[in-house]
Amino acid sequence: MAYSSIVYLLPFLGAVVLLYNGMPKKYRWWVLLLASYIFYWLNSPTTLIFLLLSTVAVYLAGIFLNKIQDGFDLSKKALDKEGKKQLRKIVGWQKKAVCAFALLFIFGLLAFLKYYPFVSENVNQFLKLLHLENALPSLKLLLPLGISYYTLQAAGYIIDVYRGKYRADMHLGKVALFLSFFPQIVEGPIARFDETADQLMEGNRSTYQNLTWGVQLILWGLFKKMVIADRANPFVAEVFKNYAEQSGVALLVGGILFTIQIYMEFSGCMDIVIGSAQLFGINLPKNFARPFFATSVNDFWRRWHITLGAWLRDYIFYSVSLSKGFAKLSKKAKEKLTPFLGALIPSAAALFCVWICNGIWHGAGWKYLAYGMYYYVIMLLGMLLEPLFAQCAAKLKLNREGSAFRIVRILRTCILVVGGMTLFRAETVGVFGEIVYRIFTNFAPQHFYDGTLLHMCIDGWDFIAIAAGCVVVLFVSILQEKGYSLREHIAGQNIVIRWSVYLALILAVIIFGAYGSGYDQVAFIYGQF
């Protein structure tokens, strides 16, 4: 039951909204929890147990952390300064043990179910080179729906409790609903407990504004998904499947179209997800901020999959960079090297950990590690060369804040992102290398105008529809980048104009959406992680 399917949008989501608002306020959270587990069971019935296990594990760990802290607070009143110091050490180790056990359990489930086949295959191949027998059995494992997302939410919750950001919640249902809320279980956004848990439990009645704004976002997400992303999919699938038979220009267009496809699909899914939550008066964190207006790769990743980047920053980058070992490394680097390199090396080392985790999170395979390292190397080079860039700009008297330079930086970033997305879509790192080689050695520019590209699964009308859809999204994005709220403007119009806009979006999806003969239903790409 995909978020873009008619089954989700009408029978399921419509029924949940009606039942939610028909229930007394104190029982509405039950409706959301029951709907979430039904949604999960309908999509992945055999793996629901893993979601339940993770929920119980972090809930119990939170209770233990509360009890340890409460015991410390009670006991320290009767102790002197030295006694408090000793007790604080004991309590610190106890809390670390509980936190570590919970994290090992939930990440252990993720690691086994998602990465065991990859690890066992590579270990056995290595042993084969040494003429040894296979050490690890081959297992076919089912990947639980949304495990990469709810595991990070669960980990963030328990780490925040451990750090003392807030106390663990004693309400099992609240923790369960936070981890399983059906609009976000498949693709996120990756929320924090203090961002959404209270909203989920409040049970406020759906208002007219919530309903209309939610429907707006859902329709906008469907437009991006079905009119642009799904229409581009046949061309992208053909190019990357039969890359050895394609010209360089076809591969380049395929890489560009895949970049458009994954953005329109993922951001469109987030619109549907956030819009679905808004129907219940629940505001989920945003996950995109017009990433193709970014002026650097760093800026791009601050705008793309925002909640994943924030999670990696708060729980990986800061954890590593602020650890005692890195504090010593930073001190030695500053003593032995120049101030610039002394400050750069610890940050670069912590950033390496972030991008290793980012790559692994996206999937089990060498190409995902390469994908993480691709962006890490680009960011590291940018950090290393920044002083040189600044000096060159000063000598050439370039205004680095000017519009012309900004456009150049945006185009440069887009080129780098297309390269990264091509690697992401390629079957292996080797295939990516062959694609790049063919782009530079067998470009065949005549295929731009001789009709070759128009006979690869989609025709000229498909390209026109994709281009027109992109222009609409670009126009809206420019307004948003300038701080103009199109949603508020539409909401302020009279009912005729408002509903004309809604009907126009509905008709655009119905008329121009990619479905029916010649188009397969395309599963959300990020839903497979």
Protein backbone atom coordinates (compact mmCIF):
# COMPACT_ATOMS: atom_id res chain seq x y z
CA MET A 1 0.00 0.00 0.00
CA ALA A 2 2.18 2.81 -1.32
CA TYR A 3 1.57 6.37 -0.16
CA SER A 4 0.69 7.33 -3.74
CA SER A 5 -1.86 4.52 -4.17
CA ILE A 6 -5.60 5.11 -4.25
CA VAL A 7 -5.97 2.45 -1.54
CA TYR A 8 -3.88 4.49 0.89
CA LEU A 9 -5.35 7.89 0.03
CA LEU A 10 -9.07 7.08 0.10
CA PRO A 11 -10.14 3.91 1.92
CA PHE A 12 -7.30 3.83 4.45
CA LEU A 13 -6.37 7.46 5.17
CA GLY A 14 -9.98 8.66 4.77
CA ALA A 15 -11.25 6.02 7.21
CA VAL A 16 -8.57 6.86 9.79
CA VAL A 17 -9.40 10.58 9.63
CA LEU A 18 -13.12 9.89 10.10
CA LEU A 19 -12.58 7.41 12.94
CA TYR A 20 -10.02 9.70 14.61
CA ASN A 21 -12.40 12.66 14.69
CA GLY A 22 -15.35 10.48 15.72
CA MET A 23 -13.58 9.23 18.85
CA PRO A 24 -13.46 11.06 22.20
CA LYS A 25 -10.24 13.07 22.53
CA LYS A 26 -8.59 10.76 25.07
CA TYR A 27 -8.91 7.75 22.75
CA ARG A 28 -7.71 9.34 19.51
CA TRP A 29 -4.11 8.32 20.03
CA TRP A 30 -5.37 4.73 20.11
CA VAL A 31 -6.81 5.23 16.64
CA LEU A 32 -3.42 6.41 15.34
CA LEU A 33 -1.58 3.52 17.02
CA LEU A 34 -4.03 0.91 15.75
CA ALA A 35 -3.96 2.43 12.24
CA SER A 36 -0.15 2.42 12.32
CA TYR A 37 0.07 -1.26 13.19
CA ILE A 38 -2.61 -2.16 10.63
CA PHE A 39 -0.72 -0.19 7.98
CA TYR A 40 2.50 -1.98 8.91
CA TRP A 41 0.84 -5.39 8.98
CA LEU A 42 -0.77 -4.84 5.57
CA ASN A 43 2.60 -3.91 4.06
CA SER A 44 4.98 -6.21 5.95
CA PRO A 45 3.07 -8.71 8.14
CA THR A 46 5.98 -11.11 8.76
CA THR A 47 8.35 -8.42 10.06
CA LEU A 48 6.06 -6.58 12.49
CA ILE A 49 7.73 -8.52 15.32
CA PHE A 50 10.99 -6.62 14.79
CA LEU A 51 9.27 -3.25 15.21
CA LEU A 52 7.66 -4.54 18.41
CA LEU A 53 10.99 -5.85 19.72
CA SER A 54 12.72 -2.52 19.10
CA THR A 55 9.85 -0.66 20.78
CA VAL A 56 9.94 -2.82 23.91
CA ALA A 57 13.76 -2.66 24.07
CA VAL A 58 14.00 1.15 24.05
CA TYR A 59 10.99 1.50 26.36
CA LEU A 60 12.54 -0.80 29.00
CA ALA A 61 15.96 0.81 28.58
CA GLY A 62 14.37 4.21 29.18
CA ILE A 63 12.71 2.99 32.39
CA PHE A 64 16.02 1.60 33.67
CA LEU A 65 17.76 4.91 32.90
CA ASN A 66 15.06 6.76 34.83
CA LYS A 67 15.45 4.44 37.82
CA ILE A 68 19.24 4.79 37.82
CA GLN A 69 18.97 8.58 37.72
CA ASP A 70 16.27 8.65 40.40
CA GLY A 71 18.40 6.44 42.64
CA PHE A 72 21.34 8.79 42.20
CA ASP A 73 19.24 11.88 42.95
CA LEU A 74 17.90 10.25 46.12
CA SER A 75 21.21 8.88 47.39
CA LYS A 76 23.41 11.93 46.76
CA LYS A 77 21.54 13.93 49.40
CA ALA A 78 23.09 11.84 52.17
CA LEU A 79 26.66 11.86 50.78
CA ASP A 80 29.56 14.23 51.07
CA LYS A 81 31.41 15.67 48.06
CA GLU A 82 33.74 12.69 47.63
CA GLY A 83 30.89 10.22 48.04
CA LYS A 84 28.86 12.03 45.38
CA LYS A 85 31.84 11.88 43.03
CA GLN A 86 32.22 8.14 43.47
CA LEU A 87 28.49 7.55 43.14
CA ARG A 88 28.37 9.68 39.98
CA LYS A 89 31.04 7.44 38.40
CA ILE A 90 29.11 4.28 39.28
CA VAL A 91 25.85 5.74 37.98
CA GLY A 92 27.63 6.90 34.81
CA TRP A 93 28.83 3.38 34.06
CA GLN A 94 25.40 1.92 34.80
CA LYS A 95 23.71 4.35 32.42
CA LYS A 96 26.33 3.67 29.75
CA ALA A 97 25.76 -0.08 30.10
CA VAL A 98 21.98 0.26 29.72
CA CYS A 99 22.31 2.65 26.77
CA ALA A 100 24.92 0.43 25.09
CA PHE A 101 22.80 -2.69 25.53
CA ALA A 102 19.73 -1.00 24.00
CA LEU A 103 21.72 0.39 21.07
CA LEU A 104 23.47 -2.93 20.44
CA PHE A 105 20.11 -4.68 20.42
CA ILE A 106 18.30 -2.37 17.97
CA PHE A 107 21.32 -1.80 15.73
CA GLY A 108 22.10 -5.51 15.95
CA LEU A 109 18.67 -6.29 14.47
CA LEU A 110 19.29 -3.75 11.71
CA ALA A 111 22.81 -5.00 11.02
CA PHE A 112 21.81 -8.66 10.85
CA LEU A 113 18.69 -8.24 8.73
CA LYS A 114 20.07 -5.60 6.36
CA TYR A 115 23.80 -6.32 6.13
CA TYR A 116 24.34 -10.02 6.89
CA PRO A 117 23.89 -11.19 3.26
CA PHE A 118 26.44 -8.61 2.06
CA VAL A 119 28.94 -9.43 4.81
CA SER A 120 28.62 -13.20 4.44
CA GLU A 121 29.03 -13.02 0.67
CA ASN A 122 32.21 -10.93 0.90
CA VAL A 123 33.70 -12.98 3.74
CA ASN A 124 33.09 -16.20 1.81
CA GLN A 125 34.57 -14.73 -1.38
CA PHE A 126 37.66 -13.71 0.56
CA LEU A 127 37.99 -17.21 2.04
CA LYS A 128 37.61 -18.67 -1.44
CA LEU A 129 40.66 -16.69 -2.55
CA LEU A 130 42.56 -18.39 0.28
CA HIS A 131 41.18 -21.77 -0.86
CA LEU A 132 39.17 -22.14 2.34
CA GLU A 133 35.61 -23.32 2.81
CA ASN A 134 32.75 -20.92 3.38
CA ALA A 135 32.61 -19.81 6.99
CA LEU A 136 29.23 -18.07 6.93
CA PRO A 137 26.00 -19.66 5.65
CA SER A 138 23.97 -17.86 3.01
CA LEU A 139 20.64 -16.69 4.39
CA LYS A 140 17.72 -15.07 2.62
CA LEU A 141 16.40 -12.49 5.07
CA LEU A 142 13.34 -10.28 4.87
CA LEU A 143 14.08 -6.60 5.45
CA PRO A 144 11.47 -5.11 7.80
CA LEU A 145 9.54 -2.15 6.47
CA GLY A 146 11.11 1.16 7.55
CA ILE A 147 13.73 -0.46 9.82
CA SER A 148 16.41 2.04 8.80
CA TYR A 149 14.12 4.88 9.86
CA TYR A 150 12.53 3.65 13.07
CA THR A 151 15.89 2.32 14.29
CA LEU A 152 17.40 5.82 14.07
CA GLN A 153 14.36 7.29 15.84
CA ALA A 154 14.66 4.67 18.58
CA ALA A 155 18.39 5.27 18.94
CA GLY A 156 17.93 9.03 19.08
CA TYR A 157 15.32 8.62 21.81
CA ILE A 158 17.47 6.44 24.04
CA ILE A 159 20.60 8.58 23.51
CA ASP A 160 18.66 11.74 24.40
CA VAL A 161 17.40 10.09 27.59
CA TYR A 162 20.94 8.95 28.41
CA ARG A 163 22.27 12.48 27.85
CA GLY A 164 19.58 13.93 30.12
CA LYS A 165 17.80 15.94 27.43
CA TYR A 166 14.51 14.63 28.83
CA ARG A 167 13.28 11.75 30.97
CA ALA A 168 12.15 8.53 29.38
CA ASP A 169 8.40 8.37 28.97
CA MET A 170 6.63 5.80 31.14
CA HIS A 171 3.75 5.48 28.66
CA LEU A 172 4.44 2.45 26.45
CA GLY A 173 1.77 3.50 23.97
CA LYS A 174 3.38 6.90 23.50
CA VAL A 175 6.77 5.36 22.70
CA ALA A 176 5.12 2.79 20.41
CA LEU A 177 3.18 5.44 18.48
CA PHE A 178 6.27 7.64 18.15
CA LEU A 179 8.17 4.78 16.50
CA SER A 180 5.34 3.42 14.33
CA PHE A 181 3.27 6.45 13.20
CA PHE A 182 2.07 5.23 9.82
CA PRO A 183 2.70 8.29 7.59
CA GLN A 184 6.42 8.33 8.41
CA ILE A 185 7.27 4.67 9.06
CA VAL A 186 8.31 3.93 5.44
CA GLU A 187 10.52 6.90 4.48
CA GLY A 188 10.68 9.23 7.45
CA PRO A 189 11.20 12.05 8.20
CA ILE A 190 13.36 10.89 11.10
CA ALA A 191 11.76 12.73 14.00
CA ARG A 192 12.92 13.32 17.58
CA PHE A 193 10.76 12.30 20.51
CA ASP A 194 10.42 15.85 21.81
CA GLU A 195 9.32 17.04 18.34
CA THR A 196 6.36 14.76 17.69
CA ALA A 197 5.49 12.48 20.63
CA ASP A 198 3.32 15.00 22.50
CA GLN A 199 1.53 16.00 19.28
CA LEU A 200 0.69 12.38 18.57
CA MET A 201 -0.92 11.99 21.99
CA GLU A 202 -2.82 15.29 22.16
CA GLY A 203 -5.75 14.08 20.09
CA ASN A 204 -6.78 17.48 18.81
CA ARG A 205 -9.69 17.47 16.37
CA SER A 206 -8.86 18.05 12.70
CA THR A 207 -9.56 21.65 11.75
CA TYR A 208 -10.58 23.02 8.36
CA GLN A 209 -7.12 24.55 7.95
CA ASN A 210 -5.40 21.28 8.86
CA LEU A 211 -7.52 19.37 6.35
CA THR A 212 -7.09 21.84 3.49
CA TRP A 213 -3.35 22.32 4.05
CA GLY A 214 -2.88 18.58 4.36
CA VAL A 215 -4.76 17.95 1.11
CA GLN A 216 -2.69 20.68 -0.59
CA LEU A 217 0.56 18.95 0.31
CA ILE A 218 -0.73 15.50 -0.62
CA LEU A 219 -1.82 16.71 -4.06
CA TRP A 220 1.49 18.52 -4.57
CA GLY A 221 3.38 15.37 -3.63
CA LEU A 222 1.29 13.27 -6.01
CA PHE A 223 2.01 15.75 -8.80
CA LYS A 224 5.77 15.46 -8.29
CA LYS A 225 5.67 11.69 -7.92
CA MET A 226 3.26 10.68 -10.69
CA VAL A 227 3.65 13.41 -13.30
CA ILE A 228 7.44 13.80 -13.15
CA ALA A 229 9.19 10.98 -11.28
CA ASP A 230 7.14 8.03 -12.54
CA ARG A 231 7.12 9.37 -16.10
CA ALA A 232 10.93 9.56 -16.10
CA ASN A 233 11.33 6.06 -14.67
CA PRO A 234 11.04 3.96 -17.90
CA PHE A 235 13.85 5.93 -19.56
CA VAL A 236 16.07 5.76 -16.46
CA ALA A 237 15.46 2.04 -15.97
CA GLU A 238 16.28 1.26 -19.62
CA VAL A 239 19.47 3.34 -19.67
CA PHE A 240 20.93 1.89 -16.48
CA LYS A 241 19.85 -1.68 -17.25
CA ASN A 242 21.44 -1.72 -20.71
CA TYR A 243 24.20 0.82 -20.11
CA ALA A 244 26.71 -1.04 -22.31
CA GLU A 245 24.51 -0.48 -25.37
CA GLN A 246 23.87 3.23 -24.75
CA SER A 247 25.61 6.27 -26.13
CA GLY A 248 27.25 8.74 -23.81
CA VAL A 249 24.50 11.29 -24.32
CA ALA A 250 21.81 8.75 -23.38
CA LEU A 251 23.73 7.87 -20.21
CA LEU A 252 24.16 11.54 -19.35
CA VAL A 253 20.47 12.25 -19.87
CA GLY A 254 19.70 9.12 -17.84
CA GLY A 255 21.83 10.43 -14.96
CA ILE A 256 20.13 13.83 -15.08
CA LEU A 257 16.66 12.28 -15.29
CA PHE A 258 17.40 9.96 -12.37
CA THR A 259 18.49 12.95 -10.30
CA ILE A 260 15.18 14.63 -11.16
CA GLN A 261 13.30 11.39 -10.53
CA ILE A 262 14.71 10.71 -7.08
CA TYR A 263 14.23 14.31 -5.95
CA MET A 264 10.65 14.54 -7.21
CA GLU A 265 9.84 11.13 -5.79
CA PHE A 266 11.45 11.55 -2.36
CA SER A 267 10.34 15.15 -1.83
CA GLY A 268 6.92 14.23 -3.22
CA CYS A 269 6.68 11.37 -0.74
CA MET A 270 7.60 13.78 2.07
CA ASP A 271 4.82 16.11 0.94
CA ILE A 272 2.32 13.23 1.08
CA VAL A 273 3.66 12.11 4.47
CA ILE A 274 3.69 15.57 6.06
CA GLY A 275 0.31 16.34 4.48
CA SER A 276 -1.13 13.10 5.88
CA ALA A 277 0.07 14.02 9.37
CA GLN A 278 -1.34 17.54 9.02
CA LEU A 279 -4.81 16.07 8.54
CA PHE A 280 -4.58 15.13 12.24
CA GLY A 281 -3.04 18.46 13.27
CA ILE A 282 0.43 16.89 13.61
CA ASN A 283 3.45 18.77 12.26
CA LEU A 284 6.35 16.54 11.21
CA PRO A 285 9.83 18.04 10.65
CA LYS A 286 10.59 19.08 7.08
CA ASN A 287 13.03 16.97 5.10
CA PHE A 288 13.79 19.18 2.09
CA ALA A 289 14.64 22.85 1.58
CA ARG A 290 15.06 23.28 -2.18
CA PRO A 291 18.41 21.44 -2.42
CA PHE A 292 19.08 22.35 -6.06
CA PHE A 293 19.51 25.97 -5.05
CA ALA A 294 22.52 24.87 -2.98
CA THR A 295 25.82 26.62 -3.71
CA SER A 296 28.02 23.78 -2.44
CA VAL A 297 27.81 20.08 -1.69
CA ASN A 298 27.80 20.92 2.03
CA ASP A 299 24.85 23.24 1.44
CA PHE A 300 23.12 20.57 -0.67
CA TRP A 301 23.23 18.07 2.19
CA ARG A 302 21.91 20.68 4.61
CA ARG A 303 18.88 20.92 2.33
CA TRP A 304 18.49 17.26 1.24
CA HIS A 305 17.14 14.61 3.66
CA ILE A 306 17.47 17.18 6.44
CA THR A 307 16.45 14.88 9.28
CA LEU A 308 19.02 12.22 8.36
CA GLY A 309 21.76 14.85 8.15
CA ALA A 310 20.71 16.30 11.51
CA TRP A 311 20.69 12.82 13.09
CA LEU A 312 24.20 12.06 11.80
CA ARG A 313 25.41 15.47 12.96
CA ASP A 314 24.00 15.20 16.49
CA TYR A 315 24.69 11.56 17.22
CA ILE A 316 27.77 10.76 15.10
CA PHE A 317 29.70 13.94 14.30
CA TYR A 318 29.37 15.55 17.72
CA SER A 319 29.81 12.25 19.56
CA VAL A 320 33.07 11.63 17.73
CA SER A 321 34.43 15.19 17.60
CA LEU A 322 33.70 15.86 21.29
CA SER A 323 35.10 12.53 22.57
CA LYS A 324 38.22 12.45 24.73
CA GLY A 325 40.27 10.71 22.03
CA PHE A 326 39.47 13.37 19.47
CA ALA A 327 40.12 16.12 21.99
CA LYS A 328 43.67 14.77 22.33
CA LEU A 329 44.01 14.48 18.54
CA SER A 330 42.84 18.06 18.11
CA LYS A 331 45.29 19.32 20.72
CA LYS A 332 48.25 17.52 19.13
CA ALA A 333 47.24 18.64 15.64
CA LYS A 334 47.12 22.27 16.72
CA GLU A 335 50.53 21.95 18.40
CA LYS A 336 52.28 20.23 15.48
CA LEU A 337 50.55 21.81 12.47
CA THR A 338 49.35 25.18 11.24
CA PRO A 339 46.21 26.58 12.91
CA PHE A 340 44.20 25.85 9.73
CA LEU A 341 45.26 22.19 9.47
CA GLY A 342 45.10 21.77 13.23
CA ALA A 343 41.44 22.72 13.18
CA LEU A 344 40.72 20.81 9.95
CA ILE A 345 42.08 17.35 10.79
CA PRO A 346 39.77 16.54 13.75
CA SER A 347 36.75 17.80 11.80
CA ALA A 348 37.79 15.78 8.75
CA ALA A 349 38.17 12.63 10.85
CA ALA A 350 34.72 13.09 12.43
CA LEU A 351 33.24 13.87 9.01
CA PHE A 352 34.72 10.61 7.70
CA CYS A 353 32.71 8.69 10.31
CA VAL A 354 29.57 10.58 9.29
CA TRP A 355 29.93 9.73 5.60
CA ILE A 356 30.79 6.10 6.26
CA CYS A 357 27.56 5.87 8.26
CA ASN A 358 25.64 7.80 5.60
CA GLY A 359 26.80 5.43 2.89
CA ILE A 360 26.11 2.28 4.91
CA TRP A 361 22.70 3.56 5.98
CA HIS A 362 21.62 3.80 2.34
CA GLY A 363 22.30 0.15 1.64
CA ALA A 364 24.44 -2.96 1.91
CA GLY A 365 26.93 -2.82 -0.93
CA TRP A 366 30.29 -1.40 -1.94
CA LYS A 367 28.64 1.19 -4.13
CA TYR A 368 26.92 2.71 -1.08
CA LEU A 369 30.25 3.02 0.70
CA ALA A 370 31.66 4.59 -2.47
CA TYR A 371 28.63 6.91 -2.55
CA GLY A 372 29.42 8.13 0.96
CA MET A 373 33.12 8.52 0.16
CA TYR A 374 32.29 10.42 -3.04
CA TYR A 375 30.67 13.23 -1.06
CA TYR A 376 33.24 13.02 1.72
CA VAL A 377 36.13 13.56 -0.70
CA ILE A 378 34.34 16.48 -2.37
CA MET A 379 33.64 18.12 0.99
CA LEU A 380 37.17 17.51 2.22
CA LEU A 381 38.68 19.01 -0.94
CA GLY A 382 36.38 22.00 -0.55
CA MET A 383 37.58 22.52 3.02
CA LEU A 384 41.25 22.13 2.03
CA LEU A 385 41.05 24.43 -0.99
CA GLU A 386 38.85 27.12 0.53
CA PRO A 387 41.80 29.40 1.45
CA LEU A 388 43.11 29.09 -2.11
CA PHE A 389 39.69 29.87 -3.57
CA ALA A 390 39.40 32.94 -1.33
CA GLN A 391 42.84 34.20 -2.41
CA CYS A 392 42.08 33.68 -6.12
CA ALA A 393 38.75 35.47 -5.79
CA ALA A 394 40.44 38.38 -4.05
CA LYS A 395 43.15 38.69 -6.71
CA LEU A 396 40.62 38.46 -9.53
CA LYS A 397 38.32 40.86 -7.67
CA LEU A 398 35.40 38.45 -7.87
CA ASN A 399 32.34 39.14 -5.79
CA ARG A 400 31.70 35.73 -4.24
CA GLU A 401 28.35 36.93 -2.92
CA GLY A 402 27.16 38.25 -6.29
CA SER A 403 24.34 36.72 -8.33
CA ALA A 404 26.55 35.63 -11.23
CA PHE A 405 29.00 33.79 -8.98
CA ARG A 406 26.10 32.24 -7.08
CA ILE A 407 24.65 30.83 -10.32
CA VAL A 408 28.04 29.35 -11.24
CA ARG A 409 28.29 27.72 -7.82
CA ILE A 410 24.75 26.33 -8.12
CA LEU A 411 25.52 24.83 -11.55
CA ARG A 412 28.78 23.35 -10.27
CA THR A 413 26.96 21.78 -7.32
CA CYS A 414 24.26 20.35 -9.59
CA ILE A 415 26.93 18.71 -11.78
CA LEU A 416 28.56 17.11 -8.74
CA VAL A 417 25.19 15.92 -7.45
CA VAL A 418 24.29 14.35 -10.81
CA GLY A 419 27.59 12.47 -10.60
CA GLY A 420 26.75 11.25 -7.11
CA MET A 421 23.23 10.22 -8.10
CA THR A 422 24.57 8.34 -11.12
CA LEU A 423 26.83 6.36 -8.79
CA PHE A 424 23.85 5.79 -6.50
CA ARG A 425 21.74 4.41 -9.37
CA ALA A 426 24.46 2.31 -11.03
CA GLU A 427 24.38 -1.37 -10.14
CA THR A 428 28.01 -1.45 -8.98
CA VAL A 429 31.01 0.86 -8.68
CA GLY A 430 32.46 -0.83 -11.78
CA VAL A 431 29.30 -0.08 -13.76
CA PHE A 432 29.50 3.55 -12.66
CA GLY A 433 33.07 3.67 -13.97
CA GLU A 434 31.96 2.26 -17.32
CA ILE A 435 29.12 4.79 -17.55
CA VAL A 436 31.48 7.69 -16.93
CA TYR A 437 33.94 6.27 -19.47
CA ARG A 438 31.24 5.97 -22.14
CA ILE A 439 30.03 9.51 -21.50
CA PHE A 440 33.49 10.88 -22.28
CA THR A 441 34.43 8.49 -25.09
CA ASN A 442 31.16 7.76 -26.91
CA PHE A 443 29.10 10.87 -26.37
CA ALA A 444 27.26 10.88 -29.77
CA PRO A 445 25.85 14.43 -29.58
CA GLN A 446 23.69 13.81 -32.66
CA HIS A 447 21.39 11.74 -30.44
CA PHE A 448 20.16 15.01 -28.96
CA TYR A 449 18.39 15.90 -32.19
CA ASP A 450 18.06 12.77 -34.37
CA GLY A 451 15.23 11.23 -32.36
CA THR A 452 17.25 8.43 -30.74
CA LEU A 453 16.31 9.47 -27.22
CA LEU A 454 12.63 9.57 -28.16
CA HIS A 455 12.55 5.82 -28.86
CA MET A 456 13.80 4.67 -25.46
CA CYS A 457 10.62 3.70 -23.58
CA ILE A 458 9.24 7.25 -23.48
CA ASP A 459 8.41 9.64 -26.30
CA GLY A 460 8.47 13.37 -26.94
CA TRP A 461 5.21 13.96 -25.07
CA ASP A 462 6.72 12.33 -21.98
CA PHE A 463 9.72 14.65 -22.17
CA ILE A 464 7.40 17.64 -22.59
CA ALA A 465 5.33 16.58 -19.57
CA ILE A 466 8.48 16.08 -17.47
CA ALA A 467 9.88 19.45 -18.54
CA ALA A 468 6.60 21.25 -17.92
CA GLY A 469 6.29 19.64 -14.49
CA CYS A 470 9.85 20.66 -13.63
CA VAL A 471 9.10 24.26 -14.67
CA VAL A 472 6.09 24.33 -12.33
CA VAL A 473 8.15 22.93 -9.44
CA LEU A 474 10.98 25.36 -10.21
CA PHE A 475 8.58 28.32 -10.19
CA VAL A 476 7.14 27.30 -6.82
CA SER A 477 10.65 26.66 -5.45
CA ILE A 478 11.86 30.11 -6.51
CA LEU A 479 8.94 31.70 -4.68
CA GLN A 480 9.69 29.60 -1.58
CA GLU A 481 13.40 30.44 -1.76
CA LYS A 482 12.45 34.11 -1.72
CA GLY A 483 10.38 33.54 1.40
CA TYR A 484 6.98 33.69 -0.30
CA SER A 485 4.41 31.25 1.12
CA LEU A 486 2.27 30.07 -1.77
CA ARG A 487 0.17 27.94 0.59
CA GLU A 488 -0.81 30.94 2.70
CA HIS A 489 -1.55 32.95 -0.42
CA ILE A 490 -3.87 30.23 -1.75
CA ALA A 491 -5.52 29.85 1.67
CA GLY A 492 -6.26 33.59 1.68
CA GLN A 493 -8.19 33.46 -1.59
CA ASN A 494 -11.93 32.96 -1.90
CA ILE A 495 -13.37 29.47 -2.18
CA VAL A 496 -13.64 29.56 -5.98
CA ILE A 497 -9.93 30.29 -6.48
CA ARG A 498 -8.88 27.84 -3.77
CA TRP A 499 -10.82 24.96 -5.21
CA SER A 500 -9.79 25.87 -8.74
CA VAL A 501 -6.18 25.32 -7.66
CA TYR A 502 -7.05 22.01 -5.96
CA LEU A 503 -8.99 20.77 -8.97
CA ALA A 504 -6.18 21.84 -11.31
CA LEU A 505 -3.73 19.69 -9.32
CA ILE A 506 -6.15 16.75 -9.27
CA LEU A 507 -6.69 17.01 -13.03
CA ALA A 508 -2.93 17.35 -13.65
CA VAL A 509 -2.32 14.10 -11.77
CA ILE A 510 -5.20 12.32 -13.52
CA ILE A 511 -4.38 13.58 -17.03
CA PHE A 512 -0.58 13.70 -16.96
CA GLY A 513 0.23 11.13 -14.29
CA ALA A 514 2.22 8.08 -15.42
CA TYR A 515 -0.04 5.10 -14.92
CA GLY A 516 -1.94 2.61 -17.02
CA SER A 517 -0.65 0.92 -20.18
CA GLY A 518 3.10 1.29 -20.68
CA TYR A 519 3.80 2.38 -17.11
CA ASP A 520 4.50 0.15 -14.16
CA GLN A 521 3.71 1.22 -10.61
CA VAL A 522 7.02 2.48 -9.24
CA ALA A 523 7.83 1.77 -5.60
CA PHE A 524 9.31 4.68 -3.65
CA ILE A 525 13.10 4.42 -3.95
CA TYR A 526 13.86 5.54 -0.41
CA GLY A 527 11.23 3.15 0.92
CA GLN A 528 13.64 0.31 0.13
CA PHE A 529 16.18 1.41 2.73
